C-alpha atoms as a PDB file:
ATOM      1  CA  MET A   1      59.695  -0.510 -38.502  1.00  0.00           C
ATOM      2  CA  LYS A   2      56.238  -0.957 -40.028  1.00  0.00           C
ATOM      3  CA  VAL A   3      53.040   0.571 -38.631  1.00  0.00           C
ATOM      4  CA  LEU A   4      49.964  -1.419 -39.583  1.00  0.00           C
ATOM      5  CA  SER A   5      46.756   0.440 -40.332  1.00  0.00           C
ATOM      6  CA  GLU A   6      43.889   0.040 -37.876  1.00  0.00           C
ATOM      7  CA  LYS A   7      42.100  -2.213 -40.369  1.00  0.00           C
ATOM      8  CA  ARG A   8      45.149  -4.437 -40.871  1.00  0.00           C
ATOM      9  CA  SER A   9      45.889  -4.456 -37.125  1.00  0.00           C
ATOM     10  CA  GLU A  10      42.358  -5.647 -36.371  1.00  0.00           C
ATOM     11  CA  ASP A  11      42.535  -8.255 -39.135  1.00  0.00           C
ATOM     12  CA  PHE A  12      45.851  -9.479 -37.691  1.00  0.00           C
ATOM     13  CA  LEU A  13      44.338  -9.853 -34.221  1.00  0.00           C
ATOM     14  CA  GLU A  14      41.228 -11.564 -35.535  1.00  0.00           C
ATOM     15  CA  GLU A  15      43.408 -14.063 -37.404  1.00  0.00           C
ATOM     16  CA  GLY A  16      45.117 -14.675 -34.046  1.00  0.00           C
ATOM     17  CA  GLY A  17      41.859 -15.719 -32.372  1.00  0.00           C
ATOM     18  CA  PHE A  18      40.736 -12.455 -30.770  1.00  0.00           C
ATOM     19  CA  GLU A  19      37.118 -11.278 -30.788  1.00  0.00           C
ATOM     20  CA  VAL A  20      37.113  -8.133 -32.932  1.00  0.00           C
ATOM     21  CA  VAL A  21      34.069  -5.963 -33.594  1.00  0.00           C
ATOM     22  CA  PRO A  22      32.408  -6.722 -36.977  1.00  0.00           C
ATOM     23  CA  ARG A  23      33.649  -4.127 -39.467  1.00  0.00           C
ATOM     24  CA  ASP A  24      34.031  -3.271 -43.117  1.00  0.00           C
ATOM     25  CA  PHE A  25      36.137  -0.769 -45.050  1.00  0.00           C
ATOM     26  CA  CYS A  26      34.766   1.678 -47.597  1.00  0.00           C
ATOM     27  CA  ILE A  27      35.748   4.795 -49.524  1.00  0.00           C
ATOM     28  CA  THR A  28      32.686   5.714 -51.602  1.00  0.00           C
ATOM     29  CA  ARG A  29      28.981   6.033 -50.822  1.00  0.00           C
ATOM     30  CA  PHE A  30      28.379   2.900 -52.860  1.00  0.00           C
ATOM     31  CA  GLY A  31      30.907   1.106 -50.704  1.00  0.00           C
ATOM     32  CA  LEU A  32      29.192   2.518 -47.628  1.00  0.00           C
ATOM     33  CA  ARG A  33      25.883   1.061 -48.747  1.00  0.00           C
ATOM     34  CA  ARG A  34      27.514  -2.357 -49.200  1.00  0.00           C
ATOM     35  CA  SER A  35      29.189  -2.082 -45.797  1.00  0.00           C
ATOM     36  CA  LEU A  36      25.938  -1.182 -44.046  1.00  0.00           C
ATOM     37  CA  LYS A  37      24.211  -4.202 -45.565  1.00  0.00           C
ATOM     38  CA  LYS A  38      26.977  -6.337 -44.115  1.00  0.00           C
ATOM     39  CA  ILE A  39      27.293  -4.622 -40.687  1.00  0.00           C
ATOM     40  CA  GLY A  40      23.735  -3.398 -40.033  1.00  0.00           C
ATOM     41  CA  PHE A  41      22.502  -0.918 -37.421  1.00  0.00           C
ATOM     42  CA  PRO A  42      23.659   0.411 -34.996  1.00  0.00           C
ATOM     43  CA  PHE A  43      27.102   1.253 -36.341  1.00  0.00           C
ATOM     44  CA  VAL A  44      30.063   3.610 -35.989  1.00  0.00           C
ATOM     45  CA  LEU A  45      31.906   5.428 -38.774  1.00  0.00           C
ATOM     46  CA  LYS A  46      35.625   5.930 -38.235  1.00  0.00           C
ATOM     47  CA  ALA A  47      38.167   7.725 -40.415  1.00  0.00           C
ATOM     48  CA  VAL A  48      41.387   5.714 -40.663  1.00  0.00           C
ATOM     49  CA  GLY A  49      44.838   6.423 -42.034  1.00  0.00           C
ATOM     50  CA  ARG A  50      48.409   5.949 -40.865  1.00  0.00           C
ATOM     51  CA  LYS A  51      49.237   9.655 -41.341  1.00  0.00           C
ATOM     52  CA  ILE A  52      46.206  11.220 -39.668  1.00  0.00           C
ATOM     53  CA  LYS A  53      47.252  13.856 -37.128  1.00  0.00           C
ATOM     54  CA  THR A  54      44.101  15.124 -35.486  1.00  0.00           C
ATOM     55  CA  ASP A  55      42.051  14.617 -32.335  1.00  0.00           C
ATOM     56  CA  GLU A  56      40.575  11.094 -32.182  1.00  0.00           C
ATOM     57  CA  ARG A  57      37.108  12.381 -31.269  1.00  0.00           C
ATOM     58  CA  SER A  58      36.809  14.175 -34.617  1.00  0.00           C
ATOM     59  CA  LEU A  59      37.554  10.910 -36.468  1.00  0.00           C
ATOM     60  CA  ILE A  60      34.546   9.011 -35.141  1.00  0.00           C
ATOM     61  CA  LYS A  61      30.818   9.389 -35.749  1.00  0.00           C
ATOM     62  CA  SER A  62      29.150   7.110 -33.225  1.00  0.00           C
ATOM     63  CA  ASP A  63      25.549   8.331 -33.221  1.00  0.00           C
ATOM     64  CA  VAL A  64      24.630   7.733 -36.869  1.00  0.00           C
ATOM     65  CA  ARG A  65      20.936   6.869 -37.137  1.00  0.00           C
ATOM     66  CA  THR A  66      20.070   7.035 -40.841  1.00  0.00           C
ATOM     67  CA  TYR A  67      21.625   6.265 -44.212  1.00  0.00           C
ATOM     68  CA  THR A  68      21.277   9.941 -45.205  1.00  0.00           C
ATOM     69  CA  GLN A  69      23.242  11.004 -42.148  1.00  0.00           C
ATOM     70  CA  ALA A  70      25.837   8.298 -42.854  1.00  0.00           C
ATOM     71  CA  ILE A  71      26.416   9.736 -46.357  1.00  0.00           C
ATOM     72  CA  TYR A  72      26.814  13.230 -44.886  1.00  0.00           C
ATOM     73  CA  ASP A  73      29.275  12.027 -42.239  1.00  0.00           C
ATOM     74  CA  LEU A  74      31.195   9.980 -44.813  1.00  0.00           C
ATOM     75  CA  LYS A  75      31.804  13.109 -46.901  1.00  0.00           C
ATOM     76  CA  ASN A  76      33.038  15.089 -43.883  1.00  0.00           C
ATOM     77  CA  LEU A  77      35.294  12.306 -42.602  1.00  0.00           C
ATOM     78  CA  LYS A  78      36.906  11.951 -46.029  1.00  0.00           C
ATOM     79  CA  LYS A  79      37.961  15.628 -45.861  1.00  0.00           C
ATOM     80  CA  ILE A  80      40.305  14.927 -42.926  1.00  0.00           C
ATOM     81  CA  LYS A  81      43.940  15.164 -43.995  1.00  0.00           C
ATOM     82  CA  GLY A  82      45.607  11.773 -44.234  1.00  0.00           C
ATOM     83  CA  VAL A  83      42.409   9.708 -44.429  1.00  0.00           C
ATOM     84  CA  GLU A  84      42.781   6.463 -46.386  1.00  0.00           C
ATOM     85  CA  GLY A  85      39.201   5.298 -45.966  1.00  0.00           C
ATOM     86  CA  ILE A  86      36.337   4.760 -43.563  1.00  0.00           C
ATOM     87  CA  LEU A  87      35.807   1.847 -41.202  1.00  0.00           C
ATOM     88  CA  VAL A  88      32.176   0.918 -40.626  1.00  0.00           C
ATOM     89  CA  GLN A  89      32.027  -0.858 -37.260  1.00  0.00           C
ATOM     90  CA  LYS A  90      29.158  -2.537 -35.486  1.00  0.00           C
ATOM     91  CA  LYS A  91      28.383  -0.616 -32.306  1.00  0.00           C
ATOM     92  CA  PHE A  92      29.326  -2.678 -29.241  1.00  0.00           C
ATOM     93  CA  LEU A  93      28.213  -1.606 -25.772  1.00  0.00           C
ATOM     94  CA  GLY A  94      30.323  -2.346 -22.704  1.00  0.00           C
ATOM     95  CA  LYS A  95      32.950  -1.146 -20.256  1.00  0.00           C
ATOM     96  CA  GLU A  96      36.141   0.170 -21.875  1.00  0.00           C
ATOM     97  CA  PHE A  97      39.661  -1.050 -21.151  1.00  0.00           C
ATOM     98  CA  PHE A  98      43.068  -0.455 -22.672  1.00  0.00           C
ATOM     99  CA  VAL A  99      46.044  -2.774 -22.990  1.00  0.00           C
ATOM    100  CA  SER A 100      49.406  -2.133 -24.600  1.00  0.00           C
ATOM    101  CA  VAL A 101      52.671  -4.000 -25.024  1.00  0.00           C
ATOM    102  CA  LYS A 102      56.033  -2.317 -25.515  1.00  0.00           C
ATOM    103  CA  LYS A 103      59.573  -3.642 -25.411  1.00  0.00           C
ATOM    104  CA  ASP A 104      62.234  -2.140 -23.186  1.00  0.00           C
ATOM    105  CA  ARG A 105      65.810  -1.401 -24.277  1.00  0.00           C
ATOM    106  CA  ASN A 106      66.649  -5.091 -23.783  1.00  0.00           C
ATOM    107  CA  SER A 107      63.748  -6.141 -26.032  1.00  0.00           C
ATOM    108  CA  ARG A 108      61.766  -7.521 -23.082  1.00  0.00           C
ATOM    109  CA  PRO A 109      58.011  -7.049 -23.636  1.00  0.00           C
ATOM    110  CA  PHE A 110      55.982  -5.362 -20.898  1.00  0.00           C
ATOM    111  CA  LEU A 111      52.189  -5.264 -20.787  1.00  0.00           C
ATOM    112  CA  SER A 112      50.290  -2.258 -19.427  1.00  0.00           C
ATOM    113  CA  PHE A 113      46.594  -2.396 -18.542  1.00  0.00           C
ATOM    114  CA  SER A 114      44.122   0.258 -17.454  1.00  0.00           C
ATOM    115  CA  SER A 115      40.427   0.964 -17.252  1.00  0.00           C
ATOM    116  CA  LEU A 116      39.208   3.917 -19.297  1.00  0.00           C
ATOM    117  CA  TYR A 117      36.882   5.064 -16.515  1.00  0.00           C
ATOM    118  CA  PRO A 118      37.414   5.516 -12.734  1.00  0.00           C
ATOM    119  CA  ASN A 119      36.073   3.220 -10.019  1.00  0.00           C
ATOM    120  CA  GLU A 120      33.526   4.169  -7.359  1.00  0.00           C
ATOM    121  CA  HIS A 121      36.250   6.025  -5.421  1.00  0.00           C
ATOM    122  CA  ASN A 122      37.111   8.102  -8.510  1.00  0.00           C
ATOM    123  CA  GLU A 123      40.407   6.219  -8.817  1.00  0.00           C
ATOM    124  CA  LYS A 124      42.128   5.027 -11.976  1.00  0.00           C
ATOM    125  CA  GLY A 125      45.228   2.911 -12.015  1.00  0.00           C
ATOM    126  CA  ILE A 126      47.676   1.498 -14.524  1.00  0.00           C
ATOM    127  CA  SER A 127      49.416  -1.818 -14.047  1.00  0.00           C
ATOM    128  CA  SER A 128      52.537  -2.898 -15.908  1.00  0.00           C
ATOM    129  CA  LYS A 129      53.949  -6.421 -15.902  1.00  0.00           C
ATOM    130  CA  ALA A 130      56.627  -8.290 -17.821  1.00  0.00           C
ATOM    131  CA  LEU A 131      55.387 -11.017 -20.134  1.00  0.00           C
ATOM    132  CA  PRO A 132      54.331 -13.787 -19.892  1.00  0.00           C
ATOM    133  CA  ILE A 133      51.107 -12.976 -18.062  1.00  0.00           C
ATOM    134  CA  THR A 134      50.196 -15.611 -15.473  1.00  0.00           C
ATOM    135  CA  ARG A 135      47.182 -15.986 -13.175  1.00  0.00           C
ATOM    136  CA  PRO A 136      49.040 -14.529 -10.131  1.00  0.00           C
ATOM    137  CA  LYS A 137      50.081 -11.550 -12.257  1.00  0.00           C
ATOM    138  CA  ILE A 138      46.486 -11.034 -13.391  1.00  0.00           C
ATOM    139  CA  LYS A 139      45.359 -10.753  -9.750  1.00  0.00           C
ATOM    140  CA  LYS A 140      47.988  -8.060  -9.195  1.00  0.00           C
ATOM    141  CA  ILE A 141      46.999  -6.313 -12.418  1.00  0.00           C
ATOM    142  CA  PHE A 142      43.356  -6.110 -11.333  1.00  0.00           C
ATOM    143  CA  SER A 143      44.378  -4.724  -7.948  1.00  0.00           C
ATOM    144  CA  GLU A 144      46.835  -2.157  -9.315  1.00  0.00           C
ATOM    145  CA  ALA A 145      44.435  -1.045 -12.059  1.00  0.00           C
ATOM    146  CA  LYS A 146      41.829  -0.316  -9.344  1.00  0.00           C
ATOM    147  CA  LEU A 147      38.980  -2.044 -11.145  1.00  0.00           C
ATOM    148  CA  SER A 148      35.512  -0.936 -10.144  1.00  0.00           C
ATOM    149  CA  LYS A 149      33.366  -3.259  -8.039  1.00  0.00           C
ATOM    150  CA  ASN A 150      30.811  -2.875 -10.826  1.00  0.00           C
ATOM    151  CA  VAL A 151      32.992  -5.035 -13.073  1.00  0.00           C
ATOM    152  CA  SER A 152      31.292  -8.406 -12.722  1.00  0.00           C
ATOM    153  CA  GLY A 153      32.958 -11.790 -12.405  1.00  0.00           C
ATOM    154  CA  ARG A 154      32.024 -12.623 -15.993  1.00  0.00           C
ATOM    155  CA  GLU A 155      33.514  -9.360 -17.214  1.00  0.00           C
ATOM    156  CA  ARG A 156      36.711 -10.037 -15.274  1.00  0.00           C
ATOM    157  CA  LYS A 157      36.933 -13.429 -16.982  1.00  0.00           C
ATOM    158  CA  SER A 158      36.752 -11.674 -20.360  1.00  0.00           C
ATOM    159  CA  ILE A 159      39.506  -9.242 -19.334  1.00  0.00           C
ATOM    160  CA  GLU A 160      41.629 -12.154 -18.140  1.00  0.00           C
ATOM    161  CA  GLU A 161      41.077 -13.874 -21.488  1.00  0.00           C
ATOM    162  CA  VAL A 162      42.263 -10.791 -23.389  1.00  0.00           C
ATOM    163  CA  LEU A 163      45.387 -10.353 -21.239  1.00  0.00           C
ATOM    164  CA  THR A 164      46.303 -14.030 -21.556  1.00  0.00           C
ATOM    165  CA  LYS A 165      45.749 -14.001 -25.324  1.00  0.00           C
ATOM    166  CA  VAL A 166      47.815 -10.829 -25.755  1.00  0.00           C
ATOM    167  CA  SER A 167      50.684 -12.468 -23.850  1.00  0.00           C
ATOM    168  CA  GLY A 168      50.595 -15.571 -26.056  1.00  0.00           C
ATOM    169  CA  PHE A 169      50.111 -13.551 -29.234  1.00  0.00           C
ATOM    170  CA  VAL A 170      53.174 -11.386 -28.632  1.00  0.00           C
ATOM    171  CA  LYS A 171      55.239 -14.443 -27.717  1.00  0.00           C
ATOM    172  CA  LYS A 172      54.210 -16.122 -30.981  1.00  0.00           C
ATOM    173  CA  HIS A 173      54.777 -13.010 -33.109  1.00  0.00           C
ATOM    174  CA  LYS A 174      58.192 -11.827 -32.012  1.00  0.00           C
ATOM    175  CA  GLU A 175      58.181  -9.266 -34.828  1.00  0.00           C
ATOM    176  CA  ILE A 176      55.716  -7.145 -32.826  1.00  0.00           C
ATOM    177  CA  SER A 177      57.524  -4.202 -31.217  1.00  0.00           C
ATOM    178  CA  GLU A 178      54.385  -2.379 -30.017  1.00  0.00           C
ATOM    179  CA  LEU A 179      50.735  -3.321 -29.632  1.00  0.00           C
ATOM    180  CA  GLU A 180      47.777  -1.221 -28.483  1.00  0.00           C
ATOM    181  CA  ILE A 181      44.235  -2.491 -27.968  1.00  0.00           C
ATOM    182  CA  LYS A 182      41.053  -0.822 -26.760  1.00  0.00           C
ATOM    183  CA  PHE A 183      38.368  -3.361 -25.950  1.00  0.00           C
ATOM    184  CA  LEU A 184      34.911  -3.375 -24.406  1.00  0.00           C
ATOM    185  CA  VAL A 185      33.406  -6.027 -22.165  1.00  0.00           C
ATOM    186  CA  ASN A 186      29.856  -6.758 -21.094  1.00  0.00           C
ATOM    187  CA  LYS A 187      28.167  -9.644 -19.314  1.00  0.00           C
ATOM    188  CA  LYS A 188      28.213 -11.758 -22.484  1.00  0.00           C
ATOM    189  CA  ASN A 189      31.630 -11.270 -24.066  1.00  0.00           C
ATOM    190  CA  TYR A 190      34.305  -8.794 -25.146  1.00  0.00           C
ATOM    191  CA  SER A 191      35.127  -7.088 -28.409  1.00  0.00           C
ATOM    192  CA  ILE A 192      38.196  -5.204 -29.621  1.00  0.00           C
ATOM    193  CA  VAL A 193      37.114  -1.840 -31.059  1.00  0.00           C
ATOM    194  CA  TYR A 194      40.538  -0.327 -31.775  1.00  0.00           C
ATOM    195  CA  SER A 195      44.027  -1.672 -32.327  1.00  0.00           C
ATOM    196  CA  ARG A 196      47.440  -0.509 -33.474  1.00  0.00           C
ATOM    197  CA  VAL A 197      50.352  -2.802 -34.255  1.00  0.00           C
ATOM    198  CA  ILE A 198      53.954  -1.862 -35.001  1.00  0.00           C
ATOM    199  CA  LEU A 199      56.295  -4.466 -36.434  1.00  0.00           C
ATOM    200  CA  GLY A 200      60.063  -4.420 -36.410  1.00  0.00           C
END
């Protein structure tokens, strides 16, 4: 079994045709400067490493406003045990959703989908369906996940696109045993902001 780093996982998905947030990887302050020229403001700094064992919130600096602050945050993030480097990601605004795929004991892949915030009735739901994901299944997924009425038709189209692509991607890459994706959607498009892939 092989666990891909977040950077490699996101590269893998991007190669597969997914929209992934613009990002760059750095270790030093000189690398940070290069990354910021490529990514631009606003941005997020994220400590990454396959052996990190700490709360996710402490790994991310999402309100970085100046280069001086970025240098300071870079130094602190590098002190976290298990850090292999820092991802510099373009900040993407939108509604957050989570999708994962895991195989059961018979190696059948199942997709789970949820919203990362409750609907207007303070409800959150999780829907799980066997692959492949079809249009009728997507309707059931939206219902079971208790999507908010504030999720527009365009945003639902983006979610549908992600679910359909995940289904096809896992079918194509049978070596994937687990897949996790956090993505954001807005009225224009979607962007994957976190991913984790396990092969084997």
